Amino acid sequence: MAAPDTWSETALISISKASDFEVEFYSITDTIDINFGEKGFDAMANMKGGRLVKFNPQDPTEITLELFHVEVGSDLSSAGAGKGGFDLLWGGINSDTTQPISISSDRTREKLRLTLLWTDDTTVTTASAAINLNQTGMRIIAKNAYCISANPSYTDKVFKVTATFRIPPFDKDGNSNIETQSTDGSTGTMSILATWT
């Protein structure tokens, strides 16, 4: 089975903290923007008129979601649909699980994993799910992410929050924080993601 001409209209978005369940944000997400960061270099002139290349460390990845908040946070005690995202910036995801929810500014910086999935398998309900034989899919996984902003607006007479996540390309030991996966469904499956630890 071949992949579609384009991935369009729908996507699955899961966010989790370490050793915890996935919170699904696709029901309240309007747009996704991804910038993998520049993997740049400087060119230095030598005395012969040539150029020497000096590689620069890769910039952090940024992922921005536009969210239609219906609450200030997600009061989940198990996997389910996210309702808001201020707890991604302050307090920690699902930090208040009792109604009414209250999220206050603080110094907490919680590491998160963001998983984005595009697939033609309509039975899949989470971005971390397996994509089976004869189904196609493409996934981006970003771990050790931090939410660096969650800015609300009401410009278009609809409440929207722009949440931005920043991810270093590697952890302190040089292991990759960013992974991309895809399958055309012809010979194998794309495995379910294990709980992030």
C-alpha atoms as a PDB file:
ATOM      1  CA  MET A   1       0.000   0.000   0.000  1.00  0.00           C
ATOM      2  CA  ALA A   2       1.396   3.409  -0.960  1.00  0.00           C
ATOM      3  CA  ALA A   3       1.344   6.469   1.230  1.00  0.00           C
ATOM      4  CA  PRO A   4      -1.181   9.165   0.263  1.00  0.00           C
ATOM      5  CA  ASP A   5      -0.196  12.052  -2.011  1.00  0.00           C
ATOM      6  CA  THR A   6      -0.186  14.372   1.020  1.00  0.00           C
ATOM      7  CA  TRP A   7      -0.851  14.251   4.746  1.00  0.00           C
ATOM      8  CA  SER A   8      -3.687  16.722   5.221  1.00  0.00           C
ATOM      9  CA  GLU A   9      -6.622  17.733   7.420  1.00  0.00           C
ATOM     10  CA  THR A  10      -6.019  15.491  10.437  1.00  0.00           C
ATOM     11  CA  ALA A  11      -3.175  14.617  12.800  1.00  0.00           C
ATOM     12  CA  LEU A  12      -2.799  13.038  16.221  1.00  0.00           C
ATOM     13  CA  ILE A  13      -0.924  14.876  18.985  1.00  0.00           C
ATOM     14  CA  SER A  14       0.093  13.252  22.270  1.00  0.00           C
ATOM     15  CA  ILE A  15       1.999  14.904  25.124  1.00  0.00           C
ATOM     16  CA  SER A  16       3.329  13.093  28.174  1.00  0.00           C
ATOM     17  CA  LYS A  17       5.696  13.615  31.041  1.00  0.00           C
ATOM     18  CA  ALA A  18       8.222  10.933  31.979  1.00  0.00           C
ATOM     19  CA  SER A  19       6.802   7.603  33.189  1.00  0.00           C
ATOM     20  CA  ASP A  20       3.229   8.819  32.755  1.00  0.00           C
ATOM     21  CA  PHE A  21       0.259   8.426  30.426  1.00  0.00           C
ATOM     22  CA  GLU A  22      -0.374  10.259  27.157  1.00  0.00           C
ATOM     23  CA  VAL A  23      -2.649  13.298  26.978  1.00  0.00           C
ATOM     24  CA  GLU A  24      -4.262  13.701  23.548  1.00  0.00           C
ATOM     25  CA  PHE A  25      -4.371  17.274  22.228  1.00  0.00           C
ATOM     26  CA  TYR A  26      -5.613  16.795  18.652  1.00  0.00           C
ATOM     27  CA  SER A  27      -9.241  17.632  19.517  1.00  0.00           C
ATOM     28  CA  ILE A  28      -8.332  21.180  20.573  1.00  0.00           C
ATOM     29  CA  THR A  29      -5.431  21.851  18.159  1.00  0.00           C
ATOM     30  CA  ASP A  30      -5.828  24.147  15.162  1.00  0.00           C
ATOM     31  CA  THR A  31      -2.307  24.253  13.686  1.00  0.00           C
ATOM     32  CA  ILE A  32       1.133  22.688  14.152  1.00  0.00           C
ATOM     33  CA  ASP A  33       4.406  24.395  13.212  1.00  0.00           C
ATOM     34  CA  ILE A  34       7.749  22.601  13.451  1.00  0.00           C
ATOM     35  CA  ASN A  35      11.220  24.131  13.116  1.00  0.00           C
ATOM     36  CA  PHE A  36      13.951  21.509  13.468  1.00  0.00           C
ATOM     37  CA  GLY A  37      16.585  24.221  14.000  1.00  0.00           C
ATOM     38  CA  GLU A  38      19.471  25.229  11.806  1.00  0.00           C
ATOM     39  CA  LYS A  39      22.394  22.817  11.487  1.00  0.00           C
ATOM     40  CA  GLY A  40      24.622  25.603  10.304  1.00  0.00           C
ATOM     41  CA  PHE A  41      28.238  26.538   9.755  1.00  0.00           C
ATOM     42  CA  ASP A  42      30.496  29.534   9.369  1.00  0.00           C
ATOM     43  CA  ALA A  43      32.714  29.977   6.309  1.00  0.00           C
ATOM     44  CA  MET A  44      36.130  31.467   7.056  1.00  0.00           C
ATOM     45  CA  ALA A  45      38.279  32.918   4.296  1.00  0.00           C
ATOM     46  CA  ASN A  46      41.842  31.638   3.973  1.00  0.00           C
ATOM     47  CA  MET A  47      44.834  33.407   2.389  1.00  0.00           C
ATOM     48  CA  LYS A  48      44.295  31.616  -0.920  1.00  0.00           C
ATOM     49  CA  GLY A  49      40.802  33.070  -1.287  1.00  0.00           C
ATOM     50  CA  GLY A  50      39.161  29.792  -0.419  1.00  0.00           C
ATOM     51  CA  ARG A  51      36.792  29.045   2.419  1.00  0.00           C
ATOM     52  CA  LEU A  52      37.152  26.838   5.455  1.00  0.00           C
ATOM     53  CA  VAL A  53      33.995  25.494   7.046  1.00  0.00           C
ATOM     54  CA  LYS A  54      33.509  25.664  10.815  1.00  0.00           C
ATOM     55  CA  PHE A  55      30.456  23.674  11.903  1.00  0.00           C
ATOM     56  CA  ASN A  56      28.143  25.158  14.535  1.00  0.00           C
ATOM     57  CA  PRO A  57      26.099  23.134  17.044  1.00  0.00           C
ATOM     58  CA  GLN A  58      22.563  22.468  15.837  1.00  0.00           C
ATOM     59  CA  ASP A  59      19.939  24.896  17.142  1.00  0.00           C
ATOM     60  CA  PRO A  60      17.046  23.631  19.285  1.00  0.00           C
ATOM     61  CA  THR A  61      13.865  22.368  17.639  1.00  0.00           C
ATOM     62  CA  GLU A  62      10.688  24.371  18.239  1.00  0.00           C
ATOM     63  CA  ILE A  63       7.162  23.013  17.943  1.00  0.00           C
ATOM     64  CA  THR A  64       4.240  25.427  18.146  1.00  0.00           C
ATOM     65  CA  LEU A  65       0.621  24.375  18.644  1.00  0.00           C
ATOM     66  CA  GLU A  66      -2.394  26.656  18.372  1.00  0.00           C
ATOM     67  CA  LEU A  67      -4.892  25.344  20.894  1.00  0.00           C
ATOM     68  CA  PHE A  68      -8.593  26.080  21.356  1.00  0.00           C
ATOM     69  CA  HIS A  69      -8.625  25.984  25.151  1.00  0.00           C
ATOM     70  CA  VAL A  70     -11.867  25.093  26.861  1.00  0.00           C
ATOM     71  CA  GLU A  71     -10.271  24.933  30.322  1.00  0.00           C
ATOM     72  CA  VAL A  72      -6.995  26.191  31.812  1.00  0.00           C
ATOM     73  CA  GLY A  73      -5.540  22.680  32.139  1.00  0.00           C
ATOM     74  CA  SER A  74      -6.294  18.986  31.855  1.00  0.00           C
ATOM     75  CA  ASP A  75      -7.696  17.406  35.032  1.00  0.00           C
ATOM     76  CA  LEU A  76      -6.869  13.845  34.003  1.00  0.00           C
ATOM     77  CA  SER A  77      -5.925  10.982  36.288  1.00  0.00           C
ATOM     78  CA  SER A  78      -5.497   8.602  33.331  1.00  0.00           C
ATOM     79  CA  ALA A  79      -4.990   8.843  29.565  1.00  0.00           C
ATOM     80  CA  GLY A  80      -7.520  11.031  27.787  1.00  0.00           C
ATOM     81  CA  ALA A  81      -8.210  14.235  25.894  1.00  0.00           C
ATOM     82  CA  GLY A  82      -6.453  17.444  26.889  1.00  0.00           C
ATOM     83  CA  LYS A  83      -8.698  20.415  27.622  1.00  0.00           C
ATOM     84  CA  GLY A  84      -6.164  23.194  28.131  1.00  0.00           C
ATOM     85  CA  GLY A  85      -2.467  23.854  28.261  1.00  0.00           C
ATOM     86  CA  PHE A  86      -1.473  26.382  30.890  1.00  0.00           C
ATOM     87  CA  ASP A  87      -0.351  23.414  33.028  1.00  0.00           C
ATOM     88  CA  LEU A  88       2.200  22.647  30.305  1.00  0.00           C
ATOM     89  CA  LEU A  89       3.871  25.976  31.174  1.00  0.00           C
ATOM     90  CA  TRP A  90       3.138  26.146  34.912  1.00  0.00           C
ATOM     91  CA  GLY A  91       2.700  23.455  37.524  1.00  0.00           C
ATOM     92  CA  GLY A  92       3.145  20.462  35.237  1.00  0.00           C
ATOM     93  CA  ILE A  93       0.716  18.571  33.027  1.00  0.00           C
ATOM     94  CA  ASN A  94      -2.319  17.357  34.997  1.00  0.00           C
ATOM     95  CA  SER A  95      -0.975  19.074  38.129  1.00  0.00           C
ATOM     96  CA  ASP A  96      -4.537  19.874  39.249  1.00  0.00           C
ATOM     97  CA  THR A  97      -6.950  16.976  38.790  1.00  0.00           C
ATOM     98  CA  THR A  98      -9.823  18.402  40.823  1.00  0.00           C
ATOM     99  CA  GLN A  99     -12.501  20.798  39.558  1.00  0.00           C
ATOM    100  CA  PRO A 100     -12.377  23.758  39.641  1.00  0.00           C
ATOM    101  CA  ILE A 101      -8.887  23.758  38.127  1.00  0.00           C
ATOM    102  CA  SER A 102      -6.399  26.385  39.270  1.00  0.00           C
ATOM    103  CA  ILE A 103      -3.033  26.904  37.555  1.00  0.00           C
ATOM    104  CA  SER A 104      -0.631  29.534  38.941  1.00  0.00           C
ATOM    105  CA  SER A 105       2.680  30.818  37.624  1.00  0.00           C
ATOM    106  CA  ASP A 106       5.659  29.053  39.170  1.00  0.00           C
ATOM    107  CA  ARG A 107       9.268  28.067  38.529  1.00  0.00           C
ATOM    108  CA  THR A 108       8.481  24.476  37.531  1.00  0.00           C
ATOM    109  CA  ARG A 109      10.046  23.339  34.254  1.00  0.00           C
ATOM    110  CA  GLU A 110       8.741  19.918  33.317  1.00  0.00           C
ATOM    111  CA  LYS A 111      10.327  17.713  30.662  1.00  0.00           C
ATOM    112  CA  LEU A 112       7.785  16.430  28.149  1.00  0.00           C
ATOM    113  CA  ARG A 113       7.557  14.164  25.132  1.00  0.00           C
ATOM    114  CA  LEU A 114       5.565  15.399  22.135  1.00  0.00           C
ATOM    115  CA  THR A 115       4.446  12.846  19.562  1.00  0.00           C
ATOM    116  CA  LEU A 116       2.840  13.874  16.268  1.00  0.00           C
ATOM    117  CA  LEU A 117       1.301  11.278  13.948  1.00  0.00           C
ATOM    118  CA  TRP A 118      -0.249  11.373  10.500  1.00  0.00           C
ATOM    119  CA  THR A 119      -1.885   8.128   9.379  1.00  0.00           C
ATOM    120  CA  ASP A 120      -4.597   6.669   7.169  1.00  0.00           C
ATOM    121  CA  ASP A 121      -5.539   4.187   9.914  1.00  0.00           C
ATOM    122  CA  THR A 122      -8.806   5.615  11.247  1.00  0.00           C
ATOM    123  CA  THR A 123      -8.824   3.203  14.205  1.00  0.00           C
ATOM    124  CA  VAL A 124      -5.761   4.844  15.778  1.00  0.00           C
ATOM    125  CA  THR A 125      -6.609   7.233  18.630  1.00  0.00           C
ATOM    126  CA  THR A 126      -3.176   8.152  20.008  1.00  0.00           C
ATOM    127  CA  ALA A 127      -0.014   9.416  18.327  1.00  0.00           C
ATOM    128  CA  SER A 128       2.066   6.749  20.063  1.00  0.00           C
ATOM    129  CA  ALA A 129       0.021   3.855  18.614  1.00  0.00           C
ATOM    130  CA  ALA A 130       1.340   1.139  16.310  1.00  0.00           C
ATOM    131  CA  ILE A 131       0.651   1.450  12.580  1.00  0.00           C
ATOM    132  CA  ASN A 132      -0.151  -1.998  11.268  1.00  0.00           C
ATOM    133  CA  LEU A 133       0.584  -3.798   8.017  1.00  0.00           C
ATOM    134  CA  ASN A 134      -1.310  -2.336   5.037  1.00  0.00           C
ATOM    135  CA  GLN A 135      -1.660   1.037   6.809  1.00  0.00           C
ATOM    136  CA  THR A 136       0.593   4.054   6.296  1.00  0.00           C
ATOM    137  CA  GLY A 137       1.848   6.650   8.718  1.00  0.00           C
ATOM    138  CA  MET A 138       4.455   9.275   9.533  1.00  0.00           C
ATOM    139  CA  ARG A 139       5.496  10.220  13.066  1.00  0.00           C
ATOM    140  CA  ILE A 140       7.672  12.872  14.731  1.00  0.00           C
ATOM    141  CA  ILE A 141       8.826  12.251  18.305  1.00  0.00           C
ATOM    142  CA  ALA A 142      10.400  15.018  20.400  1.00  0.00           C
ATOM    143  CA  LYS A 143      11.499  14.160  23.924  1.00  0.00           C
ATOM    144  CA  ASN A 144      13.072  16.272  26.677  1.00  0.00           C
ATOM    145  CA  ALA A 145      10.899  19.154  25.489  1.00  0.00           C
ATOM    146  CA  TYR A 146      10.031  22.177  27.591  1.00  0.00           C
ATOM    147  CA  CYS A 147       6.998  24.399  27.128  1.00  0.00           C
ATOM    148  CA  ILE A 148       8.516  27.885  26.913  1.00  0.00           C
ATOM    149  CA  SER A 149       5.329  29.894  26.301  1.00  0.00           C
ATOM    150  CA  ALA A 150       1.553  29.591  26.305  1.00  0.00           C
ATOM    151  CA  ASN A 151       0.164  32.885  25.035  1.00  0.00           C
ATOM    152  CA  PRO A 152      -3.603  33.444  24.865  1.00  0.00           C
ATOM    153  CA  SER A 153      -5.435  35.641  22.367  1.00  0.00           C
ATOM    154  CA  TYR A 154      -9.028  36.534  21.585  1.00  0.00           C
ATOM    155  CA  THR A 155      -8.311  38.505  18.404  1.00  0.00           C
ATOM    156  CA  ASP A 156     -10.752  36.598  16.185  1.00  0.00           C
ATOM    157  CA  LYS A 157     -13.452  36.398  18.893  1.00  0.00           C
ATOM    158  CA  VAL A 158     -12.371  32.846  19.706  1.00  0.00           C
ATOM    159  CA  PHE A 159     -10.125  31.993  22.655  1.00  0.00           C
ATOM    160  CA  LYS A 160      -6.883  30.498  21.380  1.00  0.00           C
ATOM    161  CA  VAL A 161      -3.544  29.747  23.038  1.00  0.00           C
ATOM    162  CA  THR A 162      -0.266  29.525  21.149  1.00  0.00           C
ATOM    163  CA  ALA A 163       1.929  27.025  23.005  1.00  0.00           C
ATOM    164  CA  THR A 164       5.591  26.753  22.023  1.00  0.00           C
ATOM    165  CA  PHE A 165       7.888  23.905  22.993  1.00  0.00           C
ATOM    166  CA  ARG A 166      11.673  23.970  22.697  1.00  0.00           C
ATOM    167  CA  ILE A 167      13.744  20.786  22.408  1.00  0.00           C
ATOM    168  CA  PRO A 168      17.537  20.461  22.335  1.00  0.00           C
ATOM    169  CA  PRO A 169      18.617  18.152  19.497  1.00  0.00           C
ATOM    170  CA  PHE A 170      20.531  15.922  21.955  1.00  0.00           C
ATOM    171  CA  ASP A 171      20.535  15.108  25.662  1.00  0.00           C
ATOM    172  CA  LYS A 172      23.625  15.677  27.824  1.00  0.00           C
ATOM    173  CA  ASP A 173      25.095  12.311  26.756  1.00  0.00           C
ATOM    174  CA  GLY A 174      24.698  13.083  23.050  1.00  0.00           C
ATOM    175  CA  ASN A 175      21.649  10.857  22.509  1.00  0.00           C
ATOM    176  CA  SER A 176      19.070  12.113  20.008  1.00  0.00           C
ATOM    177  CA  ASN A 177      15.963  13.875  21.327  1.00  0.00           C
ATOM    178  CA  ILE A 178      14.272  14.040  17.911  1.00  0.00           C
ATOM    179  CA  GLU A 179      13.162  11.016  15.889  1.00  0.00           C
ATOM    180  CA  THR A 180      11.144  10.728  12.683  1.00  0.00           C
ATOM    181  CA  GLN A 181       9.418   7.523  11.529  1.00  0.00           C
ATOM    182  CA  SER A 182       7.303   6.441   8.579  1.00  0.00           C
ATOM    183  CA  THR A 183       5.898   3.310   6.996  1.00  0.00           C
ATOM    184  CA  ASP A 184       4.265   2.639   3.642  1.00  0.00           C
ATOM    185  CA  GLY A 185       2.566  -0.427   5.124  1.00  0.00           C
ATOM    186  CA  SER A 186       4.031  -2.848   2.590  1.00  0.00           C
ATOM    187  CA  THR A 187       6.334  -5.061   4.641  1.00  0.00           C
ATOM    188  CA  GLY A 188       6.058  -4.277   8.327  1.00  0.00           C
ATOM    189  CA  THR A 189       4.510  -2.298  11.131  1.00  0.00           C
ATOM    190  CA  MET A 190       5.554   0.911  12.848  1.00  0.00           C
ATOM    191  CA  SER A 191       5.801  -0.138  16.486  1.00  0.00           C
ATOM    192  CA  ILE A 192       3.848   1.371  19.366  1.00  0.00           C
ATOM    193  CA  LEU A 193       5.965   3.783  21.402  1.00  0.00           C
ATOM    194  CA  ALA A 194       6.938   2.639  24.862  1.00  0.00           C
ATOM    195  CA  THR A 195       6.126   4.856  27.831  1.00  0.00           C
ATOM    196  CA  TRP A 196       8.788   7.533  27.938  1.00  0.00           C
ATOM    197  CA  THR A 197      11.042   7.362  30.999  1.00  0.00           C
END
